[in-house]
N, C-alpha and C. Protein backbone atom coordinates (compact mmCIF):
# COMPACT_ATOMS: atom_id res chain seq x y z
N MET A 1 110.26 54.18 -194.76
CA MET A 1 109.26 52.66 -194.96
C MET A 1 108.93 52.60 -193.85
N GLU A 2 110.01 52.32 -192.90
CA GLU A 2 110.38 51.65 -191.20
C GLU A 2 108.96 53.10 -190.71
N ASN A 3 109.12 54.54 -190.78
CA ASN A 3 108.19 55.26 -189.62
C ASN A 3 106.38 54.86 -190.61
N ILE A 4 106.60 54.13 -191.70
CA ILE A 4 105.45 53.95 -192.49
C ILE A 4 105.14 52.66 -191.56
N ASP A 5 105.71 51.74 -191.22
CA ASP A 5 105.03 50.37 -190.72
C ASP A 5 104.50 51.00 -189.18
N ARG A 6 105.67 52.59 -188.28
CA ARG A 6 105.40 52.33 -187.27
C ARG A 6 103.48 53.44 -187.32
N PHE A 7 103.13 54.24 -188.62
CA PHE A 7 101.77 54.88 -188.38
C PHE A 7 101.33 53.72 -188.82
N ASP A 8 101.23 52.57 -189.71
CA ASP A 8 100.03 51.05 -188.95
C ASP A 8 100.05 50.38 -188.07
N GLU A 9 101.49 50.60 -188.13
CA GLU A 9 100.85 49.78 -185.50
C GLU A 9 100.13 50.50 -185.24
N LEU A 10 100.50 51.60 -185.11
CA LEU A 10 99.42 52.97 -184.70
C LEU A 10 97.61 52.93 -184.27
N LEU A 11 97.60 52.54 -186.04
CA LEU A 11 95.88 52.28 -187.05
C LEU A 11 95.73 51.46 -186.06
N LYS A 12 96.74 50.30 -186.17
CA LYS A 12 95.73 49.31 -185.70
C LYS A 12 95.57 48.74 -184.15
N LEU A 13 96.46 49.43 -183.95
CA LEU A 13 96.57 49.47 -182.38
C LEU A 13 94.35 50.22 -181.87
N LEU A 14 94.10 51.47 -182.01
CA LEU A 14 93.30 52.14 -182.63
C LEU A 14 92.12 51.70 -182.53
N THR A 15 91.98 51.01 -184.23
CA THR A 15 91.36 50.11 -185.31
C THR A 15 90.94 48.85 -185.46
N GLU A 16 91.45 47.85 -184.58
CA GLU A 16 91.82 46.54 -184.90
C GLU A 16 91.64 46.15 -183.32
N LYS A 17 91.67 44.56 -183.67
CA LYS A 17 91.99 44.02 -182.18
C LYS A 17 93.01 43.86 -182.08
N VAL A 18 93.81 43.92 -180.32
CA VAL A 18 94.72 44.01 -180.61
C VAL A 18 94.59 42.05 -179.10
N ILE A 19 97.00 41.99 -178.78
CA ILE A 19 96.49 41.17 -178.23
C ILE A 19 97.83 41.36 -177.34
N ILE A 20 96.94 41.33 -176.32
CA ILE A 20 98.25 41.95 -175.01
C ILE A 20 98.43 40.74 -174.31
N ASN A 21 99.01 40.26 -173.85
CA ASN A 21 99.99 38.99 -172.90
C ASN A 21 98.39 37.30 -173.32
N GLY A 22 98.03 37.44 -173.98
CA GLY A 22 97.49 36.30 -174.91
C GLY A 22 95.62 36.74 -175.18
N LYS A 23 95.61 37.79 -174.54
CA LYS A 23 94.20 37.93 -174.72
C LYS A 23 94.13 39.63 -175.62
N GLU A 24 92.44 39.16 -176.65
CA GLU A 24 92.50 39.88 -177.28
C GLU A 24 91.59 41.65 -176.93
N TYR A 25 92.34 41.82 -177.28
CA TYR A 25 91.54 43.73 -176.89
C TYR A 25 90.51 44.05 -178.20
N SER A 26 89.71 45.32 -177.96
CA SER A 26 88.63 45.66 -178.76
C SER A 26 88.46 47.19 -178.29
N LEU A 27 89.61 47.90 -178.89
CA LEU A 27 88.96 50.07 -178.87
C LEU A 27 87.85 50.05 -178.54
N LYS A 28 87.96 50.27 -180.02
CA LYS A 28 86.56 50.38 -179.70
C LYS A 28 84.54 49.10 -179.08
N GLU A 29 85.28 48.55 -178.61
CA GLU A 29 84.59 48.14 -177.86
C GLU A 29 84.21 48.30 -176.40
N ASP A 30 85.31 47.96 -175.71
CA ASP A 30 85.83 48.09 -174.93
C ASP A 30 84.78 49.72 -174.37
N PHE A 31 85.06 50.60 -175.50
CA PHE A 31 84.32 51.82 -175.06
C PHE A 31 83.07 51.68 -175.32
N GLU A 32 82.29 51.31 -175.60
CA GLU A 32 81.17 50.92 -175.38
C GLU A 32 80.82 50.71 -174.46
N LYS A 33 81.22 48.82 -174.35
CA LYS A 33 81.02 48.28 -172.92
C LYS A 33 80.86 49.65 -171.68
N TYR A 34 82.45 49.87 -171.77
CA TYR A 34 82.76 50.73 -170.40
C TYR A 34 81.87 51.98 -170.33
N PHE A 35 81.60 53.13 -171.45
CA PHE A 35 81.25 53.41 -171.57
C PHE A 35 79.56 54.27 -171.76
N ILE A 36 78.87 53.08 -172.09
CA ILE A 36 77.32 52.31 -171.82
C ILE A 36 77.31 51.85 -171.14
N LYS A 37 77.98 50.90 -170.90
CA LYS A 37 77.19 49.78 -169.97
C LYS A 37 78.03 49.86 -168.41
N ASN A 38 78.72 50.87 -168.58
CA ASN A 38 79.09 50.80 -166.81
C ASN A 38 80.60 49.69 -166.99
N ASN A 39 81.13 48.86 -167.74
CA ASN A 39 81.31 48.14 -167.48
C ASN A 39 82.75 48.80 -166.77
N LYS A 40 83.34 48.64 -165.83
CA LYS A 40 84.39 48.72 -165.21
C LYS A 40 86.19 48.00 -165.30
N SER A 41 85.69 46.92 -165.51
CA SER A 41 86.88 45.46 -166.02
C SER A 41 87.65 46.61 -168.03
N ALA A 42 86.43 47.72 -168.36
CA ALA A 42 86.10 47.63 -169.39
C ALA A 42 87.22 48.90 -169.89
N GLY A 43 87.79 49.42 -168.86
CA GLY A 43 87.76 50.87 -168.45
C GLY A 43 89.40 50.24 -168.59
N ILE A 44 90.21 49.18 -167.70
CA ILE A 44 91.66 48.84 -167.43
C ILE A 44 91.59 48.44 -168.25
N ARG A 45 90.79 47.61 -169.23
CA ARG A 45 91.11 47.23 -170.77
C ARG A 45 92.01 48.39 -170.99
N ILE A 46 91.32 49.02 -171.83
CA ILE A 46 91.19 50.46 -171.93
C ILE A 46 92.70 51.30 -172.07
N ARG A 47 92.82 50.93 -170.59
CA ARG A 47 94.01 52.14 -170.11
C ARG A 47 95.42 51.40 -170.78
N LYS A 48 95.48 49.90 -171.50
CA LYS A 48 96.34 48.93 -171.77
C LYS A 48 96.74 49.71 -172.46
N VAL A 49 95.67 49.75 -173.82
CA VAL A 49 95.85 49.81 -175.05
C VAL A 49 96.26 50.74 -174.79
N MET A 50 95.59 52.11 -174.29
CA MET A 50 96.59 53.05 -173.93
C MET A 50 97.48 53.69 -174.36
N GLN A 51 97.86 52.92 -173.48
CA GLN A 51 99.52 52.86 -172.93
C GLN A 51 100.31 52.31 -174.48
N LEU A 52 99.82 51.33 -174.71
CA LEU A 52 100.41 50.54 -176.42
C LEU A 52 100.89 52.60 -176.87
N VAL A 53 99.74 53.19 -176.48
CA VAL A 53 99.20 53.82 -178.66
C VAL A 53 100.08 54.50 -177.68
N ARG A 54 100.58 54.87 -176.29
CA ARG A 54 100.84 56.36 -176.02
C ARG A 54 103.06 55.80 -176.66
N ASP A 55 103.09 54.83 -175.95
CA ASP A 55 104.23 54.09 -176.14
C ASP A 55 105.08 54.59 -177.82
N SER A 56 103.59 54.06 -178.53
CA SER A 56 103.69 53.81 -180.01
C SER A 56 103.61 55.41 -180.96
N SER A 57 103.14 56.74 -179.57
CA SER A 57 102.86 57.33 -180.05
C SER A 57 104.44 58.61 -180.54
N LYS A 58 105.18 57.95 -179.33
CA LYS A 58 106.43 57.79 -178.75
C LYS A 58 107.77 58.03 -179.71
N GLU A 59 107.97 56.83 -179.76
CA GLU A 59 108.41 56.23 -180.76
C GLU A 59 108.11 57.14 -181.66
N ILE A 60 107.10 56.66 -182.45
CA ILE A 60 106.78 58.16 -184.02
C ILE A 60 106.98 59.77 -184.44
N ARG A 61 106.44 59.95 -182.58
CA ARG A 61 107.25 61.70 -182.47
C ARG A 61 108.54 61.48 -182.43
N LYS A 62 109.26 60.35 -182.13
CA LYS A 62 111.25 60.62 -182.21
C LYS A 62 111.36 59.61 -183.14
N ALA A 63 110.64 59.45 -184.41
CA ALA A 63 111.33 59.69 -186.45
C ALA A 63 111.32 60.75 -186.71
N ILE A 64 110.27 61.45 -186.01
CA ILE A 64 109.87 62.68 -186.97
C ILE A 64 111.06 63.76 -186.89
N GLN A 65 111.64 63.97 -184.87
CA GLN A 65 112.73 64.92 -184.15
C GLN A 65 113.39 64.25 -185.25
N ALA A 66 113.61 63.34 -185.51
CA ALA A 66 114.75 62.93 -185.76
C ALA A 66 115.22 62.87 -187.54
N HIS A 67 114.28 62.67 -188.38
CA HIS A 67 113.89 63.03 -189.89
C HIS A 67 114.08 65.07 -189.67
N LYS A 68 113.49 66.02 -189.45
CA LYS A 68 113.75 66.58 -189.14
C LYS A 68 115.48 67.29 -188.46
N LYS A 69 115.92 66.14 -188.29
CA LYS A 69 117.12 66.76 -188.22
C LYS A 69 117.50 66.72 -189.58
N ASP A 70 117.88 66.15 -190.16
CA ASP A 70 118.55 65.49 -191.42
C ASP A 70 117.52 65.86 -192.93
N ILE A 71 116.57 67.13 -192.28
CA ILE A 71 116.05 67.46 -193.87
C ILE A 71 117.47 68.80 -194.25
């Protein structure tokens, strides 16, 4: 069940608003601001969320490797 929670966390990072240091970020909105409106600050926010995605992905990958050893 713990692995499902990790997957849900990753999905939330990608699809919902995320709070980092008391500030709310939306990956989709920031992508639109950055690539359509050329808002450079949105690029910084995208990188912050993507860092969390990367960290979450690493944890999922570790869990998969550990589970693979148990099979």
